[in-house]
């Protein structure tokens, strides 16, 4: 899908169209991932970057990359304990 945006010159954005496009895609990927609308795999693909780079950017923006509920975490810990015995 191709989307064309017109950005007013008054905003004073000095980035190239390609750089603005990359920034927009990264920002949108972060928002969608934070809202739980897409997985981290889809988010890094949308942003066009490596998963570790995406995780680092999430960290800088305070977006958790692992979002377990307390119950899920307890279940995982219990499964690990049971497996190790």
N, C-alpha and C. Protein backbone atom coordinates (compact mmCIF):
# COMPACT_ATOMS: atom_id res chain seq x y z
N UNK A 1 0.84 -1.17 0.00
CA UNK A 1 0.00 0.00 0.00
C UNK A 1 0.89 1.23 0.00
N UNK A 2 0.49 2.20 -0.76
CA UNK A 2 1.25 3.45 -0.82
C UNK A 2 0.35 4.57 -0.33
N UNK A 3 0.91 5.39 0.56
CA UNK A 3 0.19 6.53 1.12
C UNK A 3 1.02 7.78 0.84
N UNK A 4 0.36 8.82 0.40
CA UNK A 4 1.04 10.08 0.15
C UNK A 4 0.58 11.10 1.19
N UNK A 5 1.53 11.75 1.84
CA UNK A 5 1.23 12.76 2.84
C UNK A 5 1.78 14.10 2.39
N UNK A 6 1.04 15.14 2.67
CA UNK A 6 1.54 16.48 2.40
C UNK A 6 1.83 17.13 3.74
N UNK A 7 3.09 17.46 3.97
CA UNK A 7 3.51 18.05 5.23
C UNK A 7 3.82 19.52 4.99
N UNK A 8 3.14 20.40 5.72
CA UNK A 8 3.34 21.84 5.51
C UNK A 8 4.78 22.26 5.77
N UNK A 9 5.29 23.15 4.94
CA UNK A 9 6.65 23.66 5.08
C UNK A 9 6.85 24.39 6.41
N UNK A 10 5.76 24.93 6.98
CA UNK A 10 5.85 25.68 8.22
C UNK A 10 6.36 24.82 9.38
N UNK A 11 6.25 23.52 9.26
CA UNK A 11 6.73 22.64 10.33
C UNK A 11 8.25 22.64 10.42
N UNK A 12 8.90 23.08 9.37
CA UNK A 12 10.35 23.21 9.39
C UNK A 12 11.09 21.89 9.47
N UNK A 13 10.51 20.86 8.93
CA UNK A 13 11.17 19.56 8.95
C UNK A 13 12.27 19.53 7.89
N UNK A 14 13.48 19.29 8.34
CA UNK A 14 14.60 19.33 7.41
C UNK A 14 14.98 17.94 6.89
N UNK A 15 14.30 16.91 7.37
CA UNK A 15 14.62 15.55 6.93
C UNK A 15 14.17 15.33 5.49
N UNK A 16 14.84 14.40 4.86
CA UNK A 16 14.46 14.03 3.50
C UNK A 16 13.15 13.25 3.53
N UNK A 17 12.45 13.17 2.41
CA UNK A 17 11.22 12.37 2.36
C UNK A 17 11.44 10.92 2.78
N UNK A 18 12.56 10.34 2.39
CA UNK A 18 12.85 8.96 2.79
C UNK A 18 13.02 8.85 4.31
N UNK A 19 13.73 9.80 4.90
CA UNK A 19 13.94 9.78 6.35
C UNK A 19 12.62 10.00 7.09
N UNK A 20 11.80 10.92 6.61
CA UNK A 20 10.49 11.14 7.23
C UNK A 20 9.62 9.89 7.14
N UNK A 21 9.69 9.21 6.01
CA UNK A 21 8.94 7.97 5.83
C UNK A 21 9.37 6.92 6.85
N UNK A 22 10.69 6.77 7.03
CA UNK A 22 11.21 5.81 8.02
C UNK A 22 10.78 6.18 9.43
N UNK A 23 10.84 7.47 9.75
CA UNK A 23 10.43 7.93 11.08
C UNK A 23 8.94 7.68 11.32
N UNK A 24 8.14 7.94 10.29
CA UNK A 24 6.70 7.72 10.41
C UNK A 24 6.41 6.24 10.63
N UNK A 25 7.05 5.38 9.85
CA UNK A 25 6.81 3.94 10.00
C UNK A 25 7.24 3.43 11.36
N UNK A 26 8.38 3.90 11.86
CA UNK A 26 8.84 3.50 13.19
C UNK A 26 7.85 3.97 14.26
N UNK A 27 7.44 5.22 14.17
CA UNK A 27 6.50 5.76 15.16
C UNK A 27 5.18 4.98 15.15
N UNK A 28 4.70 4.70 13.97
CA UNK A 28 3.44 3.96 13.85
C UNK A 28 3.60 2.53 14.38
N UNK A 29 4.73 1.91 14.09
CA UNK A 29 5.00 0.56 14.59
C UNK A 29 5.03 0.56 16.12
N UNK A 30 5.67 1.56 16.71
CA UNK A 30 5.72 1.67 18.17
C UNK A 30 4.33 1.82 18.76
N UNK A 31 3.51 2.66 18.17
CA UNK A 31 2.15 2.87 18.67
C UNK A 31 1.33 1.59 18.58
N UNK A 32 1.35 0.95 17.42
CA UNK A 32 0.56 -0.26 17.24
C UNK A 32 1.02 -1.37 18.18
N UNK A 33 2.34 -1.50 18.36
CA UNK A 33 2.87 -2.52 19.26
C UNK A 33 2.48 -2.20 20.70
N UNK A 34 2.63 -0.96 21.11
CA UNK A 34 2.30 -0.55 22.48
C UNK A 34 0.83 -0.82 22.79
N UNK A 35 -0.04 -0.60 21.81
CA UNK A 35 -1.47 -0.81 21.99
C UNK A 35 -1.86 -2.29 21.89
N UNK A 36 -0.89 -3.14 21.57
CA UNK A 36 -1.16 -4.57 21.47
C UNK A 36 -1.88 -4.97 20.19
N UNK A 37 -1.85 -4.10 19.19
CA UNK A 37 -2.54 -4.37 17.93
C UNK A 37 -1.72 -5.23 16.98
N UNK A 38 -0.39 -5.20 17.15
CA UNK A 38 0.49 -6.05 16.34
C UNK A 38 1.58 -6.64 17.22
N UNK A 39 2.13 -7.75 16.77
CA UNK A 39 3.21 -8.41 17.49
C UNK A 39 4.52 -7.66 17.29
N UNK A 40 5.50 -8.01 18.10
CA UNK A 40 6.82 -7.38 17.95
C UNK A 40 7.42 -7.72 16.58
N UNK A 41 7.14 -8.93 16.08
CA UNK A 41 7.64 -9.32 14.76
C UNK A 41 7.07 -8.46 13.65
N UNK A 42 5.77 -8.21 13.71
CA UNK A 42 5.15 -7.35 12.69
C UNK A 42 5.61 -5.90 12.86
N UNK A 43 5.78 -5.48 14.11
CA UNK A 43 6.22 -4.10 14.36
C UNK A 43 7.62 -3.84 13.80
N UNK A 44 8.54 -4.76 14.03
CA UNK A 44 9.91 -4.56 13.51
C UNK A 44 9.91 -4.62 11.99
N UNK A 45 9.03 -5.45 11.42
CA UNK A 45 8.92 -5.49 9.95
C UNK A 45 8.38 -4.17 9.41
N UNK A 46 7.34 -3.64 10.06
CA UNK A 46 6.77 -2.36 9.62
C UNK A 46 7.81 -1.26 9.71
N UNK A 47 8.59 -1.27 10.79
CA UNK A 47 9.64 -0.26 10.97
C UNK A 47 10.84 -0.50 10.06
N UNK A 48 10.97 -1.72 9.56
CA UNK A 48 12.08 -2.04 8.66
C UNK A 48 13.41 -2.14 9.37
N UNK A 49 13.38 -2.61 10.63
CA UNK A 49 14.61 -2.71 11.41
C UNK A 49 14.70 -4.09 12.06
N UNK A 50 15.88 -4.41 12.57
CA UNK A 50 16.12 -5.67 13.25
C UNK A 50 15.37 -5.69 14.58
N UNK A 51 14.94 -6.87 15.00
CA UNK A 51 14.15 -6.99 16.22
C UNK A 51 14.88 -6.43 17.44
N UNK A 52 16.18 -6.64 17.53
CA UNK A 52 16.93 -6.12 18.68
C UNK A 52 16.97 -4.60 18.69
N UNK A 53 17.06 -4.00 17.51
CA UNK A 53 17.01 -2.54 17.43
C UNK A 53 15.63 -2.04 17.85
N UNK A 54 14.58 -2.75 17.42
CA UNK A 54 13.22 -2.36 17.80
C UNK A 54 13.04 -2.48 19.32
N UNK A 55 13.56 -3.54 19.91
CA UNK A 55 13.46 -3.73 21.35
C UNK A 55 14.18 -2.60 22.10
N UNK A 56 15.33 -2.20 21.59
CA UNK A 56 16.09 -1.12 22.22
C UNK A 56 15.31 0.20 22.14
N UNK A 57 14.70 0.46 21.01
CA UNK A 57 13.91 1.68 20.85
C UNK A 57 12.69 1.64 21.78
N UNK A 58 12.06 0.47 21.90
CA UNK A 58 10.95 0.33 22.84
C UNK A 58 11.40 0.68 24.25
N UNK A 59 12.55 0.17 24.63
CA UNK A 59 13.09 0.44 25.96
C UNK A 59 13.29 1.94 26.18
N UNK A 60 13.84 2.62 25.19
CA UNK A 60 14.06 4.07 25.29
C UNK A 60 12.75 4.84 25.45
N UNK A 61 11.65 4.27 24.91
CA UNK A 61 10.34 4.93 24.98
C UNK A 61 9.47 4.38 26.11
N UNK A 62 10.05 3.51 26.94
CA UNK A 62 9.30 2.96 28.07
C UNK A 62 8.21 1.99 27.67
N UNK A 63 8.38 1.33 26.53
CA UNK A 63 7.40 0.37 26.05
C UNK A 63 7.90 -1.03 26.36
N UNK A 64 7.20 -1.77 27.21
CA UNK A 64 7.67 -3.12 27.54
C UNK A 64 7.56 -4.06 26.33
N UNK A 65 8.58 -4.87 26.15
CA UNK A 65 8.54 -5.83 25.03
C UNK A 65 8.00 -7.17 25.48
N UNK A 66 8.01 -7.40 26.79
CA UNK A 66 7.39 -8.59 27.36
C UNK A 66 6.32 -8.09 28.30
N UNK A 67 5.09 -8.48 28.03
CA UNK A 67 3.98 -7.95 28.80
C UNK A 67 3.16 -9.10 29.38
N UNK A 68 3.70 -9.72 30.42
CA UNK A 68 3.01 -10.81 31.10
C UNK A 68 2.08 -10.25 32.17
N UNK A 69 0.92 -10.87 32.31
CA UNK A 69 0.09 -10.57 33.48
C UNK A 69 0.70 -11.33 34.65
N UNK A 70 0.31 -10.97 35.86
CA UNK A 70 0.83 -11.66 37.05
C UNK A 70 0.51 -13.16 36.98
N UNK A 71 -0.67 -13.50 36.51
CA UNK A 71 -1.08 -14.90 36.42
C UNK A 71 -0.23 -15.66 35.39
N UNK A 72 0.02 -15.02 34.25
CA UNK A 72 0.85 -15.66 33.23
C UNK A 72 2.27 -15.88 33.73
N UNK A 73 2.80 -14.90 34.43
CA UNK A 73 4.15 -15.02 34.96
C UNK A 73 4.22 -16.14 36.00
N UNK A 74 3.26 -16.20 36.90
CA UNK A 74 3.21 -17.28 37.89
C UNK A 74 3.14 -18.63 37.21
N UNK A 75 2.33 -18.74 36.19
CA UNK A 75 2.18 -19.99 35.45
C UNK A 75 3.49 -20.40 34.80
N UNK A 76 4.19 -19.44 34.21
CA UNK A 76 5.49 -19.73 33.58
C UNK A 76 6.52 -20.18 34.62
N UNK A 77 6.56 -19.49 35.75
CA UNK A 77 7.50 -19.85 36.81
C UNK A 77 7.20 -21.24 37.34
N UNK A 78 5.92 -21.53 37.53
CA UNK A 78 5.53 -22.85 38.01
C UNK A 78 5.91 -23.94 37.01
N UNK A 79 5.72 -23.67 35.74
CA UNK A 79 6.08 -24.65 34.70
C UNK A 79 7.58 -24.89 34.70
N UNK A 80 8.37 -23.85 34.91
CA UNK A 80 9.83 -24.00 34.96
C UNK A 80 10.21 -24.83 36.19
N UNK A 81 9.60 -24.52 37.32
CA UNK A 81 9.89 -25.27 38.55
C UNK A 81 9.55 -26.76 38.38
N UNK A 82 8.41 -27.03 37.81
CA UNK A 82 7.97 -28.41 37.62
C UNK A 82 8.87 -29.16 36.65
N UNK A 83 9.36 -28.48 35.68
CA UNK A 83 10.22 -29.10 34.67
C UNK A 83 11.60 -29.42 35.24
N UNK A 84 12.08 -28.58 36.14
CA UNK A 84 13.42 -28.74 36.68
C UNK A 84 13.49 -29.84 37.74
N UNK A 85 12.37 -30.22 38.33
CA UNK A 85 12.40 -31.23 39.38
C UNK A 85 12.54 -32.61 38.86
